[in-house]
């Protein structure tokens, strides 16, 4: 892994940035397609591609259904490319066939239904007394995301089979486990889910122990947003048994490099004291995986940030995400694009280089469980550290504490049922997914909850009807 340092960014905050290690050679005139012009991901991935080199002749294709992100992200990329002196070409389109035809790598970052659908799902949860902190992995809000997203992403994968069957899909979209697992299981497209959460631990531990990430050896595995660290070797010394005391003494917080915010690790430390393994995400993600934390008492005591909902929405018009001011400044300001010398922590460029050039790279990715985590089915999508090669993966089996394996079995069962419910319109599978979900404390609320999701999200759920309809 590349070394990392802290640097002052244009927003006045210090962020971890990797030292630039230039590629040797080139991928040539490759075609890199972004399905969804995310304000969070696309410019970061392209910035990394420009910094490490070897991608200078690529076509960068932006596919989106909305005009605004296509315009803003496309304009920003063109300015970045011109500023760096590279020869990349930016193509913008709303047509999926045009975008995918001949692609070498496809990067997926979409939200079916957009911000409006997320808000409506949170409103349904609030009506039934369920807090939502993130809502993209576990809980009723995550099931709602799966129901409206999985049919769409599988349709995208089917089109990839037609127009770019040899391409690799890098998935940034949540729910990460269900989406990555669905495409790997039900299509012929090689797919890796890419999330920064487990990698962010390296930065956190480096600050706790006042060292650099490259001095850390970490064994980690689980599911997206809830992997478990079972070994933490710092400069040759095992530290996992003192990690809670060391983290508490340091006062360090876990930084979310995607959202640019820090989170406490109180829940992580408390879970370690029970489970004997250190979870991968901060308090707000961690709270959604367990039945204990999202109660009125602990939301207040622990200071967990829960989503605020709008009451009496009725038939409000569609809402969309606003572009960050910094992107508008970079794209349309008089000065140059700032922070162009900063590597990000997304690592998509390393995986692209591995699958296109055959240079192995070791990263945490979300893939099907091919013997990587003991005690889980092969069809489960797991988050593991493996060496990615041009044609496959190399990794050792990880044996987790019994309680961790039991929890993962429950979560992967929820994922399995969520996939079945989403792809087949299977109400019984959806009911069982909610029955197993740590959020749901009243099984008699399951059917009313599903009916309210169908009412609120019906235009994105063509396979679903209320009971008796």
Protein backbone atom coordinates (compact mmCIF):
# COMPACT_ATOMS: atom_id res chain seq x y z
CA UNK A 1 0.00 0.00 0.00
CA UNK A 2 1.10 3.53 -0.71
CA UNK A 3 2.26 5.71 2.16
CA UNK A 4 -0.11 8.34 3.48
CA UNK A 5 0.42 11.81 4.91
CA UNK A 6 -1.79 14.61 6.22
CA UNK A 7 -2.18 17.72 4.12
CA UNK A 8 -4.13 20.97 4.25
CA UNK A 9 -6.90 20.97 1.64
CA UNK A 10 -8.65 23.94 0.07
CA UNK A 11 -11.50 23.78 2.61
CA UNK A 12 -9.06 24.52 5.42
CA UNK A 13 -9.12 21.00 6.90
CA UNK A 14 -6.38 18.41 7.23
CA UNK A 15 -6.98 15.20 5.29
CA UNK A 16 -4.97 12.00 4.83
CA UNK A 17 -3.42 11.94 1.38
CA UNK A 18 -1.30 9.28 -0.22
CA UNK A 19 2.08 9.92 -1.75
CA UNK A 20 1.94 9.65 -5.51
CA UNK A 21 3.51 6.50 -6.94
CA UNK A 22 3.61 6.86 -10.72
CA UNK A 23 2.61 3.95 -12.94
CA UNK A 24 5.03 2.57 -15.46
CA UNK A 25 3.46 2.11 -18.87
CA UNK A 26 -0.04 2.89 -20.08
CA UNK A 27 -3.43 1.24 -20.44
CA UNK A 28 -3.66 2.84 -23.88
CA UNK A 29 -6.94 3.99 -25.35
CA UNK A 30 -9.13 2.35 -22.74
CA UNK A 31 -12.76 3.26 -22.06
CA UNK A 32 -13.72 4.05 -18.45
CA UNK A 33 -17.44 4.54 -17.87
CA UNK A 34 -19.05 6.20 -14.85
CA UNK A 35 -22.67 5.10 -14.46
CA UNK A 36 -23.99 7.93 -12.31
CA UNK A 37 -22.09 11.23 -12.17
CA UNK A 38 -21.64 11.30 -8.42
CA UNK A 39 -20.47 14.60 -6.97
CA UNK A 40 -18.54 12.59 -4.35
CA UNK A 41 -16.67 10.01 -6.42
CA UNK A 42 -16.12 10.84 -10.06
CA UNK A 43 -13.74 13.78 -9.78
CA UNK A 44 -11.75 11.96 -7.08
CA UNK A 45 -11.24 8.86 -9.22
CA UNK A 46 -10.23 10.90 -12.25
CA UNK A 47 -7.88 13.03 -10.14
CA UNK A 48 -6.11 9.86 -8.97
CA UNK A 49 -5.92 8.58 -12.55
CA UNK A 50 -4.26 11.83 -13.63
CA UNK A 51 -1.81 11.82 -10.73
CA UNK A 52 -0.53 8.25 -11.11
CA UNK A 53 -0.36 8.39 -14.89
CA UNK A 54 -0.87 5.61 -17.40
CA UNK A 55 -4.48 6.60 -18.06
CA UNK A 56 -3.75 9.68 -20.17
CA UNK A 57 -5.31 8.33 -23.38
CA UNK A 58 -8.53 7.05 -21.78
CA UNK A 59 -12.03 7.95 -22.81
CA UNK A 60 -13.93 8.94 -19.69
CA UNK A 61 -17.63 8.43 -20.27
CA UNK A 62 -20.25 9.99 -18.00
CA UNK A 63 -23.71 8.39 -18.03
CA UNK A 64 -26.56 10.00 -16.14
CA UNK A 65 -30.26 10.71 -16.55
CA UNK A 66 -29.99 14.22 -15.11
CA UNK A 67 -28.65 17.26 -16.95
CA UNK A 68 -27.11 19.12 -14.01
CA UNK A 69 -24.55 16.54 -12.80
CA UNK A 70 -23.61 15.68 -16.38
CA UNK A 71 -22.87 19.33 -17.04
CA UNK A 72 -21.09 20.18 -13.77
CA UNK A 73 -19.01 17.01 -13.39
CA UNK A 74 -18.20 16.96 -17.10
CA UNK A 75 -17.06 20.58 -17.06
CA UNK A 76 -14.95 19.97 -13.96
CA UNK A 77 -13.26 16.91 -15.46
CA UNK A 78 -12.43 18.77 -18.66
CA UNK A 79 -10.86 21.58 -16.64
CA UNK A 80 -8.86 19.09 -14.55
CA UNK A 81 -7.63 17.25 -17.63
CA UNK A 82 -6.58 20.45 -19.40
CA UNK A 83 -4.83 21.67 -16.26
CA UNK A 84 -2.84 18.44 -15.95
CA UNK A 85 -1.86 18.36 -19.62
CA UNK A 86 -3.31 14.89 -20.16
CA UNK A 87 -5.10 13.74 -23.31
CA UNK A 88 -8.19 12.17 -21.79
CA UNK A 89 -11.45 12.70 -23.62
CA UNK A 90 -14.70 13.29 -21.72
CA UNK A 91 -17.93 11.97 -23.25
CA UNK A 92 -21.35 12.74 -21.77
CA UNK A 93 -24.47 10.77 -22.57
CA UNK A 94 -27.88 9.74 -21.26
CA UNK A 95 -27.96 6.59 -23.41
CA UNK A 96 -26.79 3.41 -21.68
CA UNK A 97 -25.85 1.51 -24.85
CA UNK A 98 -23.77 4.42 -26.13
CA UNK A 99 -21.96 4.63 -22.79
CA UNK A 100 -21.27 0.94 -22.22
CA UNK A 101 -20.29 -0.17 -25.70
CA UNK A 102 -16.64 -1.26 -25.63
CA UNK A 103 -16.05 -0.30 -21.99
CA UNK A 104 -13.02 -1.72 -20.20
CA UNK A 105 -14.05 -0.64 -16.68
CA UNK A 106 -17.43 0.54 -15.42
CA UNK A 107 -17.83 2.41 -12.13
CA UNK A 108 -21.31 2.36 -10.59
CA UNK A 109 -22.56 5.15 -8.33
CA UNK A 110 -26.31 5.61 -8.53
CA UNK A 111 -29.30 6.28 -6.26
CA UNK A 112 -32.53 4.95 -7.72
CA UNK A 113 -35.18 7.51 -6.88
CA UNK A 114 -32.54 9.96 -5.75
CA UNK A 115 -32.74 12.04 -2.60
CA UNK A 116 -36.53 12.05 -2.70
CA UNK A 117 -36.73 8.25 -2.38
CA UNK A 118 -34.25 8.25 0.50
CA UNK A 119 -36.26 10.91 2.30
CA UNK A 120 -39.53 9.08 1.78
CA UNK A 121 -38.04 5.85 3.17
CA UNK A 122 -36.78 7.72 6.24
CA UNK A 123 -40.26 9.18 6.74
CA UNK A 124 -41.81 5.69 6.74
CA UNK A 125 -39.24 4.53 9.30
CA UNK A 126 -40.00 7.54 11.51
CA UNK A 127 -43.73 6.82 11.32
CA UNK A 128 -43.06 3.34 12.73
CA UNK A 129 -40.69 4.61 15.40
CA UNK A 130 -37.39 3.62 13.80
CA UNK A 131 -34.40 5.95 13.87
CA UNK A 132 -32.20 6.13 10.77
CA UNK A 133 -28.59 7.24 11.08
CA UNK A 134 -27.28 6.26 7.64
CA UNK A 135 -29.85 3.85 6.22
CA UNK A 136 -27.81 2.40 3.38
CA UNK A 137 -26.78 -1.02 4.74
CA UNK A 138 -28.94 -2.40 7.53
CA UNK A 139 -32.48 -1.69 8.70
CA UNK A 140 -35.82 -1.07 6.94
CA UNK A 141 -34.44 1.93 5.01
CA UNK A 142 -31.73 -0.30 3.54
CA UNK A 143 -34.32 -2.89 2.52
CA UNK A 144 -36.23 -0.12 0.76
CA UNK A 145 -33.05 0.82 -1.09
CA UNK A 146 -32.54 -2.77 -2.16
CA UNK A 147 -36.10 -3.14 -3.42
CA UNK A 148 -35.77 -0.18 -5.75
CA UNK A 149 -32.09 -0.60 -6.68
CA UNK A 150 -31.29 -4.27 -7.29
CA UNK A 151 -33.53 -4.74 -10.36
CA UNK A 152 -31.95 -1.66 -11.93
CA UNK A 153 -28.34 -2.68 -11.31
CA UNK A 154 -28.97 -6.20 -12.58
CA UNK A 155 -30.43 -4.65 -15.74
CA UNK A 156 -27.25 -2.59 -16.09
CA UNK A 157 -25.19 -5.77 -15.70
CA UNK A 158 -27.27 -7.46 -18.42
CA UNK A 159 -26.48 -4.58 -20.75
CA UNK A 160 -22.80 -4.93 -19.88
CA UNK A 161 -23.02 -8.58 -20.93
CA UNK A 162 -24.23 -7.35 -24.32
CA UNK A 163 -22.00 -4.34 -24.91
CA UNK A 164 -18.84 -4.90 -22.82
CA UNK A 165 -18.81 -8.51 -21.55
CA UNK A 166 -15.14 -8.46 -20.59
CA UNK A 167 -15.37 -5.25 -18.57
CA UNK A 168 -14.93 -5.14 -14.79
CA UNK A 169 -17.52 -3.37 -12.66
CA UNK A 170 -16.35 -1.36 -9.65
CA UNK A 171 -19.34 -0.69 -7.44
CA UNK A 172 -19.53 2.33 -5.13
CA UNK A 173 -23.31 2.08 -4.66
CA UNK A 174 -25.02 1.08 -1.42
CA UNK A 175 -26.30 -1.27 -0.18
CA UNK A 176 -22.83 -2.45 -1.16
CA UNK A 177 -23.12 -6.10 -0.09
CA UNK A 178 -26.43 -6.79 -1.83
CA UNK A 179 -25.56 -4.96 -5.05
CA UNK A 180 -22.08 -6.45 -5.44
CA UNK A 181 -23.37 -9.90 -4.49
CA UNK A 182 -26.31 -9.71 -6.91
CA UNK A 183 -24.20 -8.81 -9.93
CA UNK A 184 -21.54 -11.41 -9.15
CA UNK A 185 -24.14 -14.15 -8.63
CA UNK A 186 -26.63 -13.44 -11.39
CA UNK A 187 -24.52 -12.06 -14.23
CA UNK A 188 -21.26 -12.86 -15.93
CA UNK A 189 -19.71 -9.49 -15.01
CA UNK A 190 -16.78 -9.48 -12.61
CA UNK A 191 -17.69 -7.06 -9.85
CA UNK A 192 -15.87 -5.61 -6.86
CA UNK A 193 -17.55 -3.44 -4.27
CA UNK A 194 -15.27 -0.62 -3.21
CA UNK A 195 -15.71 1.13 0.14
CA UNK A 196 -13.31 3.27 2.14
CA UNK A 197 -14.57 2.29 5.61
CA UNK A 198 -12.19 -0.58 6.38
CA UNK A 199 -9.29 1.30 4.80
CA UNK A 200 -10.05 4.33 6.98
CA UNK A 201 -9.11 2.21 9.97
CA UNK A 202 -5.50 2.26 8.80
CA UNK A 203 -5.48 6.04 9.05
CA UNK A 204 -7.20 5.90 12.44
CA UNK A 205 -4.77 3.35 13.86
CA UNK A 206 -1.84 5.28 12.40
CA UNK A 207 -2.92 8.37 14.36
CA UNK A 208 -3.55 6.34 17.53
CA UNK A 209 -0.04 4.88 17.40
CA UNK A 210 1.66 7.91 15.81
CA UNK A 211 2.94 6.00 12.82
CA UNK A 212 2.13 5.62 9.13
CA UNK A 213 -0.36 3.21 7.56
CA UNK A 214 2.39 1.30 5.79
CA UNK A 215 3.78 0.31 9.23
CA UNK A 216 0.51 -1.50 10.07
CA UNK A 217 -0.43 -5.10 9.35
CA UNK A 218 -4.15 -5.69 9.77
CA UNK A 219 -6.33 -8.79 9.46
CA UNK A 220 -9.89 -7.73 8.70
CA UNK A 221 -13.06 -9.27 7.32
CA UNK A 222 -16.84 -9.19 7.55
CA UNK A 223 -19.55 -7.47 5.54
CA UNK A 224 -19.57 -3.95 4.20
CA UNK A 225 -19.65 -1.34 6.97
CA UNK A 226 -19.18 -4.03 9.60
CA UNK A 227 -15.88 -5.81 9.18
CA UNK A 228 -13.90 -6.99 12.18
CA UNK A 229 -10.19 -6.48 12.86
CA UNK A 230 -8.74 -9.57 14.54
CA UNK A 231 -5.07 -8.68 14.40
CA UNK A 232 -3.32 -5.31 14.46
CA UNK A 233 0.46 -5.46 14.24
CA UNK A 234 2.23 -2.11 14.61
CA UNK A 235 5.93 -2.18 13.77
CA UNK A 236 6.06 -5.89 14.51
CA UNK A 237 4.09 -5.77 17.79
CA UNK A 238 0.53 -7.11 18.20
CA UNK A 239 -1.71 -4.37 19.56
CA UNK A 240 -5.23 -5.78 19.19
CA UNK A 241 -5.48 -6.71 22.88
CA UNK A 242 -4.82 -3.13 24.01
CA UNK A 243 -6.59 -1.30 21.18
CA UNK A 244 -9.45 -0.02 23.36
CA UNK A 245 -7.16 1.47 25.99
CA UNK A 246 -4.83 2.85 23.33
CA UNK A 247 -7.66 4.43 21.31
CA UNK A 248 -9.27 5.92 24.42
CA UNK A 249 -5.98 7.33 25.63
CA UNK A 250 -5.18 8.88 22.25
CA UNK A 251 -8.54 10.66 21.99
CA UNK A 252 -8.47 10.13 18.22
CA UNK A 253 -11.66 9.92 16.17
CA UNK A 254 -12.37 7.88 13.07
CA UNK A 255 -12.37 10.03 9.96
CA UNK A 256 -14.82 9.32 7.17
CA UNK A 257 -12.75 10.34 4.16
CA UNK A 258 -15.75 10.24 1.84
CA UNK A 259 -17.95 12.58 3.84
CA UNK A 260 -15.11 14.58 5.36
CA UNK A 261 -16.33 14.18 8.93
CA UNK A 262 -15.09 12.49 12.08
CA UNK A 263 -16.95 10.02 14.25
CA UNK A 264 -16.49 8.76 17.76
CA UNK A 265 -15.50 5.14 18.28
CA UNK A 266 -17.30 4.57 21.58
CA UNK A 267 -19.58 1.89 20.17
CA UNK A 268 -16.64 0.22 18.43
CA UNK A 269 -14.72 0.08 21.69
CA UNK A 270 -17.71 -1.30 23.60
CA UNK A 271 -18.32 -3.92 20.92
CA UNK A 272 -14.67 -4.96 21.05
CA UNK A 273 -15.00 -5.51 24.79
CA UNK A 274 -17.80 -7.99 24.08
CA UNK A 275 -16.72 -9.56 20.79
CA UNK A 276 -12.93 -9.52 20.97
CA UNK A 277 -12.65 -7.95 17.50
CA UNK A 278 -12.65 -4.27 16.51
CA UNK A 279 -15.47 -3.18 14.12
CA UNK A 280 -14.63 -1.18 11.03
CA UNK A 281 -17.01 1.78 11.16
CA UNK A 282 -17.79 4.63 13.53
CA UNK A 283 -20.77 4.97 15.80
CA UNK A 284 -23.49 5.92 13.30
CA UNK A 285 -22.89 3.02 10.93
CA UNK A 286 -22.21 0.58 13.75
CA UNK A 287 -25.45 1.44 15.56
CA UNK A 288 -27.53 0.13 12.66
CA UNK A 289 -26.14 -3.39 12.87
CA UNK A 290 -27.23 -4.09 16.44
CA UNK A 291 -30.51 -4.04 18.36
CA UNK A 292 -29.11 -2.10 21.30
CA UNK A 293 -28.24 1.43 20.25
CA UNK A 294 -31.01 3.08 18.23
CA UNK A 295 -33.32 3.66 21.15
CA UNK A 296 -34.50 7.01 22.50
CA UNK A 297 -32.20 6.58 25.50
CA UNK A 298 -28.98 5.80 23.67
CA UNK A 299 -29.52 8.11 20.70
CA UNK A 300 -29.52 10.95 23.23
CA UNK A 301 -26.82 9.65 25.56
CA UNK A 302 -24.41 8.73 22.76
CA UNK A 303 -25.15 11.80 20.66
CA UNK A 304 -26.00 9.77 17.56
CA UNK A 305 -27.07 11.87 14.60
CA UNK A 306 -30.35 10.60 13.19
CA UNK A 307 -32.04 11.75 10.00
CA UNK A 308 -34.62 14.47 10.41
CA UNK A 309 -37.79 13.90 8.46
CA UNK A 310 -40.32 16.22 6.89
CA UNK A 311 -43.88 15.82 8.11
CA UNK A 312 -46.86 16.14 5.81
CA UNK A 313 -44.83 15.80 2.61
CA UNK A 314 -47.86 14.79 0.58
CA UNK A 315 -47.17 15.12 -3.13
CA UNK A 316 -44.15 17.37 -2.86
CA UNK A 317 -42.12 17.72 -6.05
CA UNK A 318 -38.98 15.74 -6.64
CA UNK A 319 -35.86 16.91 -4.82
CA UNK A 320 -32.27 16.47 -5.93
CA UNK A 321 -28.85 16.69 -4.35
CA UNK A 322 -27.17 20.06 -4.62
CA UNK A 323 -23.63 20.17 -5.99
CA UNK A 324 -21.02 21.08 -3.35
CA UNK A 325 -19.91 24.69 -3.58
CA UNK A 326 -16.27 23.62 -3.84
CA UNK A 327 -17.02 21.71 -7.07
CA UNK A 328 -18.72 24.75 -8.57
CA UNK A 329 -15.75 26.89 -7.58
CA UNK A 330 -13.32 24.45 -9.15
CA UNK A 331 -15.35 24.01 -12.34
CA UNK A 332 -16.29 27.63 -13.00
CA UNK A 333 -13.98 29.80 -10.90
CA UNK A 334 -11.28 31.93 -12.47
CA UNK A 335 -8.48 30.06 -10.73
CA UNK A 336 -7.17 26.53 -11.28
CA UNK A 337 -8.73 23.40 -9.81
CA UNK A 338 -7.27 23.08 -6.32
CA UNK A 339 -5.93 19.99 -4.51
CA UNK A 340 -4.83 18.44 -7.80
CA UNK A 341 -1.67 17.13 -6.11
CA UNK A 342 -3.64 15.19 -3.45
CA UNK A 343 -4.25 11.48 -3.84
CA UNK A 344 -7.62 10.37 -2.47
CA UNK A 345 -8.40 7.17 -0.55
CA UNK A 346 -10.79 5.62 -3.10
CA UNK A 347 -8.21 3.30 -4.74
CA UNK A 348 -10.29 2.71 -7.87
CA UNK A 349 -7.27 3.57 -10.01
CA UNK A 350 -5.27 0.73 -8.42
CA UNK A 351 -7.99 -1.81 -9.16
CA UNK A 352 -8.35 -0.52 -12.73
CA UNK A 353 -4.60 -0.87 -13.22
CA UNK A 354 -4.67 -4.40 -11.78
CA UNK A 355 -7.43 -5.68 -14.07
CA UNK A 356 -6.23 -3.86 -17.20
CA UNK A 357 -2.46 -4.19 -16.82
CA UNK A 358 -2.18 -7.29 -14.62
CA UNK A 359 -0.19 -5.64 -11.81
CA UNK A 360 -1.53 -7.16 -8.54
CA UNK A 361 -2.71 -4.85 -5.78
CA UNK A 362 -3.81 -5.66 -2.23
CA UNK A 363 -6.99 -3.95 -1.07
CA UNK A 364 -10.17 -4.44 0.93
CA UNK A 365 -12.95 -5.26 -1.53
CA UNK A 366 -16.47 -6.69 -1.45
CA UNK A 367 -16.67 -10.00 -3.33
CA UNK A 368 -18.31 -13.41 -3.02
CA UNK A 369 -16.99 -15.56 -0.19
CA UNK A 370 -14.68 -18.06 -1.83
CA UNK A 371 -13.24 -19.45 1.38
CA UNK A 372 -12.18 -16.05 2.70
CA UNK A 373 -14.29 -16.06 5.88
CA UNK A 374 -14.85 -19.35 7.67
CA UNK A 375 -18.42 -20.35 8.51
CA UNK A 376 -20.20 -18.25 5.86
CA UNK A 377 -21.76 -19.50 2.61
CA UNK A 378 -19.95 -19.06 -0.68
CA UNK A 379 -22.84 -17.01 -2.02
CA UNK A 380 -22.43 -14.39 0.71
CA UNK A 381 -20.84 -11.11 -0.32
CA UNK A 382 -18.04 -10.40 2.14
CA UNK A 383 -15.61 -7.56 2.73
CA UNK A 384 -12.07 -8.92 2.81
CA UNK A 385 -8.50 -7.91 2.19
CA UNK A 386 -7.23 -9.78 -0.87
CA UNK A 387 -4.70 -9.38 -3.63
CA UNK A 388 -6.56 -8.45 -6.81
CA UNK A 389 -5.10 -9.89 -10.00
CA UNK A 390 -6.10 -9.54 -13.63
CA UNK A 391 -8.26 -12.66 -13.47
CA UNK A 392 -9.09 -13.29 -9.80
CA UNK A 393 -8.20 -12.87 -6.13
CA UNK A 394 -5.73 -14.32 -3.66
CA UNK A 395 -6.41 -14.29 0.06
CA UNK A 396 -6.16 -16.40 3.20
CA UNK A 397 -9.06 -17.75 5.21
CA UNK A 398 -10.01 -15.61 8.20
CA UNK A 399 -11.47 -17.30 11.28
CA UNK A 400 -13.44 -14.83 13.36
CA UNK A 401 -14.61 -15.15 16.97
CA UNK A 402 -17.74 -17.31 17.26
CA UNK A 403 -20.01 -14.37 18.15
CA UNK A 404 -18.80 -12.39 15.12
CA UNK A 405 -19.45 -15.33 12.82
CA UNK A 406 -22.96 -15.70 14.27
CA UNK A 407 -23.70 -12.03 13.66
CA UNK A 408 -22.36 -12.22 10.13
CA UNK A 409 -24.53 -15.27 9.45
CA UNK A 410 -27.58 -13.27 10.44
CA UNK A 411 -26.60 -10.24 8.38
CA UNK A 412 -25.77 -12.28 5.28
CA UNK A 413 -29.11 -14.08 5.68
CA UNK A 414 -30.83 -10.68 5.68
CA UNK A 415 -28.89 -9.79 2.53
CA UNK A 416 -29.90 -13.08 0.89
CA UNK A 417 -33.57 -12.50 1.66
CA UNK A 418 -33.35 -8.86 0.56
CA UNK A 419 -31.92 -9.95 -2.80
CA UNK A 420 -34.70 -12.50 -3.29
CA UNK A 421 -37.35 -9.96 -2.33
CA UNK A 422 -35.93 -7.33 -4.67
CA UNK A 423 -35.39 -9.46 -7.76
CA UNK A 424 -38.53 -11.60 -7.50
CA UNK A 425 -40.97 -9.23 -5.84
CA UNK A 426 -41.18 -11.83 -3.08
CA UNK A 427 -43.11 -10.35 -0.17
CA UNK A 428 -42.42 -13.33 2.11
CA UNK A 429 -38.68 -12.87 1.65
CA UNK A 430 -39.04 -9.17 2.50
CA UNK A 431 -41.05 -10.03 5.61
CA UNK A 432 -38.40 -12.52 6.72
CA UNK A 433 -35.60 -10.02 6.09
CA UNK A 434 -37.36 -7.55 8.38
CA UNK A 435 -38.09 -10.27 10.93
CA UNK A 436 -34.35 -10.95 11.24
CA UNK A 437 -33.37 -7.29 11.14
CA UNK A 438 -32.02 -5.92 14.45
CA UNK A 439 -34.05 -2.73 13.90
CA UNK A 440 -37.45 -4.39 13.95
CA UNK A 441 -38.71 -4.98 17.47
CA UNK A 442 -42.37 -5.76 16.73
CA UNK A 443 -43.12 -8.47 14.18
CA UNK A 444 -46.72 -7.28 13.94
CA UNK A 445 -45.44 -4.03 12.46
CA UNK A 446 -43.75 -5.79 9.53
CA UNK A 447 -46.71 -5.88 7.14
CA UNK A 448 -47.85 -2.30 7.83
CA UNK A 449 -44.24 -1.15 7.38
CA UNK A 450 -43.99 -2.88 3.99
CA UNK A 451 -47.33 -1.43 2.89
CA UNK A 452 -46.17 2.06 3.81
CA UNK A 453 -42.97 1.57 1.81
CA UNK A 454 -45.05 0.52 -1.19
CA UNK A 455 -47.27 3.59 -0.82
CA UNK A 456 -44.34 5.99 -0.42
CA UNK A 457 -42.00 4.43 -3.01
CA UNK A 458 -44.47 2.81 -5.39
CA UNK A 459 -43.26 4.52 -8.56
CA UNK A 460 -39.82 2.90 -8.04
CA UNK A 461 -41.27 -0.51 -7.07
CA UNK A 462 -43.14 -1.76 -10.15
CA UNK A 463 -43.24 -5.38 -8.87
CA UNK A 464 -44.84 -4.50 -5.55
CA UNK A 465 -48.43 -4.07 -4.44
CA UNK A 466 -50.12 -3.72 -1.08
CA UNK A 467 -51.74 -6.73 0.52
CA UNK A 468 -54.93 -7.77 -1.17
CA UNK A 469 -54.27 -5.67 -4.28
